[in-house]
Amino acid sequence: MKVKADDIWSVCFSPDGTRLASASRDNTVQVRDARAPTPELRAQLQARGLLLSKRDHVDSLEDLQTEIRGDKTISDQVRQQALDWSPNFWSAPQ
């Protein structure tokens, strides 16, 4: 059997069961979210993606929040989560 670089050697859950880590033969480690995909978690992931994509295209926190408020493609739940998190995302190192 030929061994591929991405063959996994080991996996381990975090103590609280929310993350799964895998170690591969190519000396990489990946950490994945192991929580059940609830509507709340999906909204959080969408809000995070929205903030990451918009943050680099605006000049201020106020512009970021205006962009979020005006985005017709997101749900109210995602919009509110993104607005709640926007100050932290704006001030975080890029």
C-alpha atoms as a PDB file:
ATOM      1  CA  MET A   1       0.000   0.000   0.000  1.00  0.00           C
ATOM      2  CA  LYS A   2       1.355   3.398  -0.992  1.00  0.00           C
ATOM      3  CA  VAL A   3       1.317   5.989   1.802  1.00  0.00           C
ATOM      4  CA  LYS A   4      -0.024   9.429   0.874  1.00  0.00           C
ATOM      5  CA  ALA A   5       1.206  12.648   2.484  1.00  0.00           C
ATOM      6  CA  ASP A   6      -2.221  13.366   3.922  1.00  0.00           C
ATOM      7  CA  ASP A   7      -2.675  10.040   5.725  1.00  0.00           C
ATOM      8  CA  ILE A   8      -3.807  10.737   9.261  1.00  0.00           C
ATOM      9  CA  TRP A   9      -1.794   9.258  12.093  1.00  0.00           C
ATOM     10  CA  SER A  10      -3.838  10.359  15.070  1.00  0.00           C
ATOM     11  CA  VAL A  11      -7.039  12.137  16.087  1.00  0.00           C
ATOM     12  CA  CYS A  12      -8.085  13.560  19.421  1.00  0.00           C
ATOM     13  CA  PHE A  13     -11.103  15.436  20.766  1.00  0.00           C
ATOM     14  CA  SER A  14     -10.682  18.423  23.063  1.00  0.00           C
ATOM     15  CA  PRO A  15     -11.693  17.753  26.684  1.00  0.00           C
ATOM     16  CA  ASP A  16     -14.996  19.558  26.162  1.00  0.00           C
ATOM     17  CA  GLY A  17     -15.707  17.704  22.898  1.00  0.00           C
ATOM     18  CA  THR A  18     -16.077  20.831  20.781  1.00  0.00           C
ATOM     19  CA  ARG A  19     -12.899  20.451  18.692  1.00  0.00           C
ATOM     20  CA  LEU A  20     -11.234  17.599  16.855  1.00  0.00           C
ATOM     21  CA  ALA A  21      -7.498  17.641  16.137  1.00  0.00           C
ATOM     22  CA  SER A  22      -5.816  15.402  13.582  1.00  0.00           C
ATOM     23  CA  ALA A  23      -2.109  14.796  13.019  1.00  0.00           C
ATOM     24  CA  SER A  24      -0.959  13.681   9.578  1.00  0.00           C
ATOM     25  CA  ARG A  25       2.105  11.935   8.216  1.00  0.00           C
ATOM     26  CA  ASP A  26       3.148  15.168   6.501  1.00  0.00           C
ATOM     27  CA  ASN A  27       3.703  16.695   9.981  1.00  0.00           C
ATOM     28  CA  THR A  28       0.614  18.905   9.868  1.00  0.00           C
ATOM     29  CA  VAL A  29      -2.058  19.285  12.516  1.00  0.00           C
ATOM     30  CA  GLN A  30      -5.589  20.408  11.747  1.00  0.00           C
ATOM     31  CA  VAL A  31      -8.140  21.510  14.307  1.00  0.00           C
ATOM     32  CA  ARG A  32     -11.788  21.357  13.344  1.00  0.00           C
ATOM     33  CA  ASP A  33     -15.017  22.442  14.964  1.00  0.00           C
ATOM     34  CA  ALA A  34     -16.825  19.315  16.194  1.00  0.00           C
ATOM     35  CA  ARG A  35     -19.977  20.991  17.464  1.00  0.00           C
ATOM     36  CA  ALA A  36     -23.320  20.019  15.981  1.00  0.00           C
ATOM     37  CA  PRO A  37     -24.281  22.433  13.167  1.00  0.00           C
ATOM     38  CA  THR A  38     -27.112  24.219  14.973  1.00  0.00           C
ATOM     39  CA  PRO A  39     -28.822  27.247  13.415  1.00  0.00           C
ATOM     40  CA  GLU A  40     -27.029  29.442  15.988  1.00  0.00           C
ATOM     41  CA  LEU A  41     -23.605  28.032  15.072  1.00  0.00           C
ATOM     42  CA  ARG A  42     -24.330  28.440  11.349  1.00  0.00           C
ATOM     43  CA  ALA A  43     -25.278  32.088  11.960  1.00  0.00           C
ATOM     44  CA  GLN A  44     -22.049  32.636  13.910  1.00  0.00           C
ATOM     45  CA  LEU A  45     -19.947  31.092  11.141  1.00  0.00           C
ATOM     46  CA  GLN A  46     -21.719  33.203   8.510  1.00  0.00           C
ATOM     47  CA  ALA A  47     -21.257  36.351  10.599  1.00  0.00           C
ATOM     48  CA  ARG A  48     -17.552  35.619  11.012  1.00  0.00           C
ATOM     49  CA  GLY A  49     -17.121  35.073   7.273  1.00  0.00           C
ATOM     50  CA  LEU A  50     -19.031  38.254   6.510  1.00  0.00           C
ATOM     51  CA  LEU A  51     -16.874  40.286   8.878  1.00  0.00           C
ATOM     52  CA  LEU A  52     -13.637  38.844   7.512  1.00  0.00           C
ATOM     53  CA  SER A  53     -14.650  39.574   3.925  1.00  0.00           C
ATOM     54  CA  LYS A  54     -15.918  43.122   4.518  1.00  0.00           C
ATOM     55  CA  ARG A  55     -13.265  44.296   7.011  1.00  0.00           C
ATOM     56  CA  ASP A  56     -10.571  44.630   4.361  1.00  0.00           C
ATOM     57  CA  HIS A  57     -12.759  46.758   2.075  1.00  0.00           C
ATOM     58  CA  VAL A  58     -13.773  49.567   4.432  1.00  0.00           C
ATOM     59  CA  ASP A  59     -11.929  52.401   6.163  1.00  0.00           C
ATOM     60  CA  SER A  60     -13.661  52.534   9.551  1.00  0.00           C
ATOM     61  CA  LEU A  61     -15.808  50.613  12.009  1.00  0.00           C
ATOM     62  CA  GLU A  62     -18.723  52.844  11.074  1.00  0.00           C
ATOM     63  CA  ASP A  63     -18.309  51.946   7.385  1.00  0.00           C
ATOM     64  CA  LEU A  64     -18.151  48.261   8.310  1.00  0.00           C
ATOM     65  CA  GLN A  65     -21.370  48.494  10.285  1.00  0.00           C
ATOM     66  CA  THR A  66     -23.075  50.418   7.472  1.00  0.00           C
ATOM     67  CA  GLU A  67     -22.067  47.671   5.024  1.00  0.00           C
ATOM     68  CA  ILE A  68     -23.489  45.014   7.346  1.00  0.00           C
ATOM     69  CA  ARG A  69     -26.757  46.891   7.873  1.00  0.00           C
ATOM     70  CA  GLY A  70     -27.189  47.327   4.115  1.00  0.00           C
ATOM     71  CA  ASP A  71     -26.409  43.732   3.109  1.00  0.00           C
ATOM     72  CA  LYS A  72     -29.657  42.252   1.759  1.00  0.00           C
ATOM     73  CA  THR A  73     -28.158  38.755   1.366  1.00  0.00           C
ATOM     74  CA  ILE A  74     -27.956  37.896   5.073  1.00  0.00           C
ATOM     75  CA  SER A  75     -30.550  36.969   7.663  1.00  0.00           C
ATOM     76  CA  ASP A  76     -31.444  39.217  10.579  1.00  0.00           C
ATOM     77  CA  GLN A  77     -29.738  36.741  12.936  1.00  0.00           C
ATOM     78  CA  VAL A  78     -26.465  36.884  10.968  1.00  0.00           C
ATOM     79  CA  ARG A  79     -26.717  40.683  10.690  1.00  0.00           C
ATOM     80  CA  GLN A  80     -27.168  41.105  14.443  1.00  0.00           C
ATOM     81  CA  GLN A  81     -24.310  38.707  15.253  1.00  0.00           C
ATOM     82  CA  ALA A  82     -22.007  40.535  12.823  1.00  0.00           C
ATOM     83  CA  LEU A  83     -22.959  43.916  14.267  1.00  0.00           C
ATOM     84  CA  ASP A  84     -22.372  42.638  17.812  1.00  0.00           C
ATOM     85  CA  TRP A  85     -18.927  41.302  16.878  1.00  0.00           C
ATOM     86  CA  SER A  86     -17.885  44.145  14.551  1.00  0.00           C
ATOM     87  CA  PRO A  87     -16.022  46.266  17.160  1.00  0.00           C
ATOM     88  CA  ASN A  88     -13.841  43.277  18.108  1.00  0.00           C
ATOM     89  CA  PHE A  89     -13.188  42.346  14.483  1.00  0.00           C
ATOM     90  CA  TRP A  90     -12.323  45.932  13.602  1.00  0.00           C
ATOM     91  CA  SER A  91      -9.779  46.263  16.407  1.00  0.00           C
ATOM     92  CA  ALA A  92      -8.265  42.771  15.997  1.00  0.00           C
ATOM     93  CA  PRO A  93      -4.901  42.498  14.203  1.00  0.00           C
ATOM     94  CA  GLN A  94      -5.251  41.547  10.555  1.00  0.00           C
END
